[in-house]
Amino acid sequence: MQRVVHYRVHGLPGHRLERLHQQFEDLAKARTWRCDRPWIASAYSRDLFAMEYLRLAHSGAKGDLSAAGFVKMAGDETDALIITIFLRDLSAEHAVRVMLRDEDHPLAKLRSLDFVRGRLPGGLSLEDVLAKRPVIKKVEGERILFYPPAFRLHSQSPPSPEWAYALYGIRAYAPTLMEAEQEALKILRGFGHLGH
């Protein structure tokens, strides 16, 4: 069975729904996805599937559900992580609660995440939870490793404020995971043209 990531946005005022839809459109266009493209259903939606999905989400939801969606994953942890970071940023920007459910996530602690104003319950940041291990993406038989900002290579090293990535023995940094992924893929293509 294919892994599915579900998300819900609670407490978003109606006048911000158009911006929410635009943010999902921008995310969907920002990169090549191995999974389905991220989407959202809200009272602003006009297609039949989205309206019916939102109606069903409302029937099973408690509280002030504003929008909902899901993405079928295709085995790329980078896709799941970018969606998670995007939802965390939405929660912070709009000062709302965002729930993410990923029942088949390999890390049990990331199967159910609630963000309130961009923070996890108890005040932790997402990076605090991610700092334990790198995320690995396989492309054309090569492994690209992405290290969250709080990740430490060894106990004495200070955490970096940026995402690190490594491939072909090269290690570099970028402000966001999406930028790190784009730069790593450029390096990968460059080595491909060199016949590596």
Protein backbone atom coordinates (compact mmCIF):
# COMPACT_ATOMS: atom_id res chain seq x y z
CA MET A 1 0.00 0.00 0.00
CA GLN A 2 1.28 3.46 -0.91
CA ARG A 3 2.29 5.81 1.90
CA VAL A 4 -0.04 8.80 2.28
CA VAL A 5 0.67 12.02 4.17
CA HIS A 6 -2.47 13.82 5.43
CA TYR A 7 -2.53 17.44 6.61
CA ARG A 8 -5.11 19.75 8.16
CA VAL A 9 -5.07 23.52 8.73
CA HIS A 10 -7.10 24.83 11.68
CA GLY A 11 -8.13 28.38 12.52
CA LEU A 12 -7.23 30.13 9.25
CA PRO A 13 -9.55 33.10 8.55
CA GLY A 14 -11.53 32.89 5.31
CA HIS A 15 -9.87 35.97 3.82
CA ARG A 16 -6.49 34.14 3.89
CA LEU A 17 -7.64 31.05 1.97
CA GLU A 18 -6.73 32.48 -1.43
CA ARG A 19 -3.16 33.08 -0.23
CA LEU A 20 -3.02 29.54 1.18
CA HIS A 21 -4.00 28.10 -2.20
CA GLN A 22 -1.40 30.27 -3.93
CA GLN A 23 1.29 29.05 -1.51
CA PHE A 24 0.42 25.43 -2.33
CA GLU A 25 0.52 26.22 -6.06
CA ASP A 26 3.93 27.87 -5.66
CA LEU A 27 5.22 24.86 -3.72
CA ALA A 28 3.91 22.44 -6.36
CA LYS A 29 5.75 24.37 -9.11
CA ALA A 30 8.97 24.92 -7.14
CA ARG A 31 10.56 21.54 -7.84
CA THR A 32 10.14 18.18 -9.50
CA TRP A 33 8.19 15.86 -7.21
CA ARG A 34 8.46 12.08 -7.15
CA CYS A 35 5.22 12.02 -5.15
CA ASP A 36 1.95 13.64 -6.18
CA ARG A 37 2.04 17.41 -6.26
CA PRO A 38 0.94 18.96 -2.94
CA TRP A 39 -2.57 20.45 -2.97
CA ILE A 40 -5.13 21.80 -0.51
CA ALA A 41 -8.93 21.84 -0.28
CA SER A 42 -10.82 24.65 1.44
CA ALA A 43 -13.98 26.71 1.06
CA TYR A 44 -12.02 28.53 -1.68
CA SER A 45 -11.79 25.31 -3.78
CA ARG A 46 -13.97 25.02 -6.86
CA ASP A 47 -13.22 21.54 -8.22
CA LEU A 48 -15.58 18.74 -7.25
CA PHE A 49 -12.95 16.39 -5.78
CA ALA A 50 -11.54 19.07 -3.46
CA MET A 51 -15.00 20.18 -2.31
CA GLU A 52 -16.05 16.59 -1.58
CA TYR A 53 -12.76 15.84 0.19
CA LEU A 54 -13.20 18.92 2.39
CA ARG A 55 -16.79 17.91 3.21
CA LEU A 56 -15.57 14.48 4.34
CA ALA A 57 -12.69 16.03 6.31
CA HIS A 58 -15.16 18.33 8.09
CA SER A 59 -17.39 15.40 9.04
CA GLY A 60 -14.49 13.69 10.84
CA ALA A 61 -12.81 16.80 12.25
CA LYS A 62 -13.12 18.44 15.61
CA GLY A 63 -12.71 22.17 15.96
CA ASP A 64 -12.13 24.87 13.43
CA LEU A 65 -10.93 23.00 10.30
CA SER A 66 -10.11 25.52 7.54
CA ALA A 67 -8.37 23.38 4.93
CA ALA A 68 -7.19 19.82 4.33
CA GLY A 69 -5.22 17.76 1.86
CA PHE A 70 -3.09 14.68 1.33
CA VAL A 71 -0.19 13.53 -0.81
CA LYS A 72 0.56 9.98 -1.97
CA MET A 73 4.27 9.44 -1.52
CA ALA A 74 6.58 7.67 -3.97
CA GLY A 75 9.40 6.61 -1.66
CA ASP A 76 11.27 9.93 -1.53
CA GLU A 77 11.93 11.12 2.01
CA THR A 78 12.99 14.51 0.64
CA ASP A 79 9.46 15.06 -0.71
CA ALA A 80 7.95 14.24 2.70
CA LEU A 81 10.43 16.46 4.52
CA ILE A 82 9.88 19.45 2.21
CA ILE A 83 6.12 19.14 2.70
CA THR A 84 6.61 18.96 6.48
CA ILE A 85 8.82 22.07 6.53
CA PHE A 86 6.36 23.89 4.26
CA LEU A 87 3.47 23.08 6.62
CA ARG A 88 5.52 24.20 9.62
CA ASP A 89 6.25 27.51 7.86
CA LEU A 90 2.54 27.96 7.02
CA SER A 91 1.69 27.43 10.69
CA ALA A 92 4.22 30.10 11.71
CA GLU A 93 3.23 32.63 9.03
CA HIS A 94 -0.52 32.40 9.56
CA ALA A 95 -0.29 31.77 13.35
CA VAL A 96 -2.51 28.68 13.03
CA ARG A 97 -2.50 25.03 13.99
CA VAL A 98 -1.41 22.55 11.31
CA MET A 99 -1.71 18.81 11.85
CA LEU A 100 0.31 16.34 9.80
CA ARG A 101 -0.35 12.58 9.87
CA ASP A 102 2.10 10.19 8.24
CA GLU A 103 1.16 6.73 9.56
CA ASP A 104 3.90 4.94 7.60
CA HIS A 105 6.78 7.33 8.35
CA PRO A 106 9.92 5.32 9.21
CA LEU A 107 10.51 7.41 12.36
CA ALA A 108 7.67 6.85 14.83
CA LYS A 109 8.09 10.32 16.34
CA LEU A 110 7.37 11.92 12.95
CA ARG A 111 4.14 10.01 12.24
CA SER A 112 1.99 12.62 13.89
CA LEU A 113 3.10 16.24 14.09
CA ASP A 114 1.12 19.23 15.30
CA PHE A 115 2.48 22.69 14.66
CA VAL A 116 1.10 25.67 16.52
CA ARG A 117 2.55 28.95 15.29
CA GLY A 118 5.39 26.95 13.74
CA ARG A 119 6.40 25.08 16.91
CA LEU A 120 5.82 21.53 18.09
CA PRO A 121 3.95 20.87 21.35
CA GLY A 122 6.23 21.72 24.23
CA GLY A 123 7.90 24.48 22.22
CA LEU A 124 10.45 22.38 20.31
CA SER A 125 11.35 23.28 16.74
CA LEU A 126 11.09 20.73 13.92
CA GLU A 127 14.88 20.88 13.53
CA ASP A 128 15.29 19.74 17.15
CA VAL A 129 13.46 16.53 16.24
CA LEU A 130 15.28 16.05 12.92
CA ALA A 131 18.80 16.58 14.24
CA LYS A 132 19.51 12.91 14.91
CA ARG A 133 20.20 11.69 11.38
CA PRO A 134 20.71 12.86 7.81
CA VAL A 135 18.06 12.44 5.12
CA ILE A 136 19.23 10.34 2.18
CA LYS A 137 18.01 10.87 -1.38
CA LYS A 138 19.01 8.47 -4.14
CA VAL A 139 19.22 9.94 -7.63
CA GLU A 140 20.63 8.07 -10.62
CA GLY A 141 22.26 5.54 -8.32
CA GLU A 142 24.03 8.21 -6.26
CA ARG A 143 23.31 9.06 -2.63
CA ILE A 144 22.83 12.68 -1.61
CA LEU A 145 22.86 13.28 2.14
CA PHE A 146 21.00 16.25 3.61
CA TYR A 147 21.80 17.33 7.18
CA PRO A 148 19.30 19.44 9.17
CA PRO A 149 20.60 22.70 10.67
CA ALA A 150 20.84 21.26 14.19
CA PHE A 151 22.76 18.14 13.06
CA ARG A 152 26.29 17.79 14.46
CA LEU A 153 28.93 15.68 12.74
CA HIS A 154 30.59 15.10 16.09
CA SER A 155 29.85 16.13 19.66
CA GLN A 156 32.26 19.10 19.64
CA SER A 157 31.06 20.70 16.39
CA PRO A 158 28.63 23.62 16.61
CA PRO A 159 25.28 23.25 14.82
CA SER A 160 25.05 25.03 11.49
CA PRO A 161 22.30 27.59 10.87
CA GLU A 162 21.86 26.13 7.36
CA TRP A 163 21.08 22.81 5.70
CA ALA A 164 24.19 20.87 4.68
CA TYR A 165 24.37 18.45 1.78
CA ALA A 166 27.02 16.00 0.68
CA LEU A 167 27.72 13.99 -2.46
CA TYR A 168 30.86 12.84 -4.29
CA GLY A 169 32.87 13.85 -1.22
CA ILE A 170 31.68 17.45 -1.54
CA ARG A 171 29.96 19.08 1.42
CA ALA A 172 28.22 22.44 1.12
CA TYR A 173 25.47 24.50 2.73
CA ALA A 174 22.25 26.23 1.69
CA PRO A 175 19.68 28.29 3.65
CA THR A 176 16.78 25.87 3.03
CA LEU A 177 16.34 22.18 2.23
CA MET A 178 14.82 23.03 -1.16
CA GLU A 179 17.85 25.15 -2.09
CA ALA A 180 20.22 22.45 -0.83
CA GLU A 181 18.40 19.91 -2.98
CA GLN A 182 18.58 22.14 -6.07
CA GLU A 183 22.31 22.77 -5.61
CA ALA A 184 23.05 19.09 -5.00
CA LEU A 185 21.15 18.13 -8.16
CA LYS A 186 23.16 20.71 -10.16
CA ILE A 187 26.39 19.13 -8.88
CA LEU A 188 25.06 15.68 -9.72
CA ARG A 189 24.22 16.77 -13.29
CA GLY A 190 27.64 18.41 -13.61
CA PHE A 191 29.43 15.22 -12.64
CA GLY A 192 27.16 13.35 -15.05
CA HIS A 193 28.34 15.54 -17.92
CA LEU A 194 31.94 14.83 -16.91
CA GLY A 195 31.22 11.11 -17.24
CA HIS A 196 31.59 10.38 -13.52
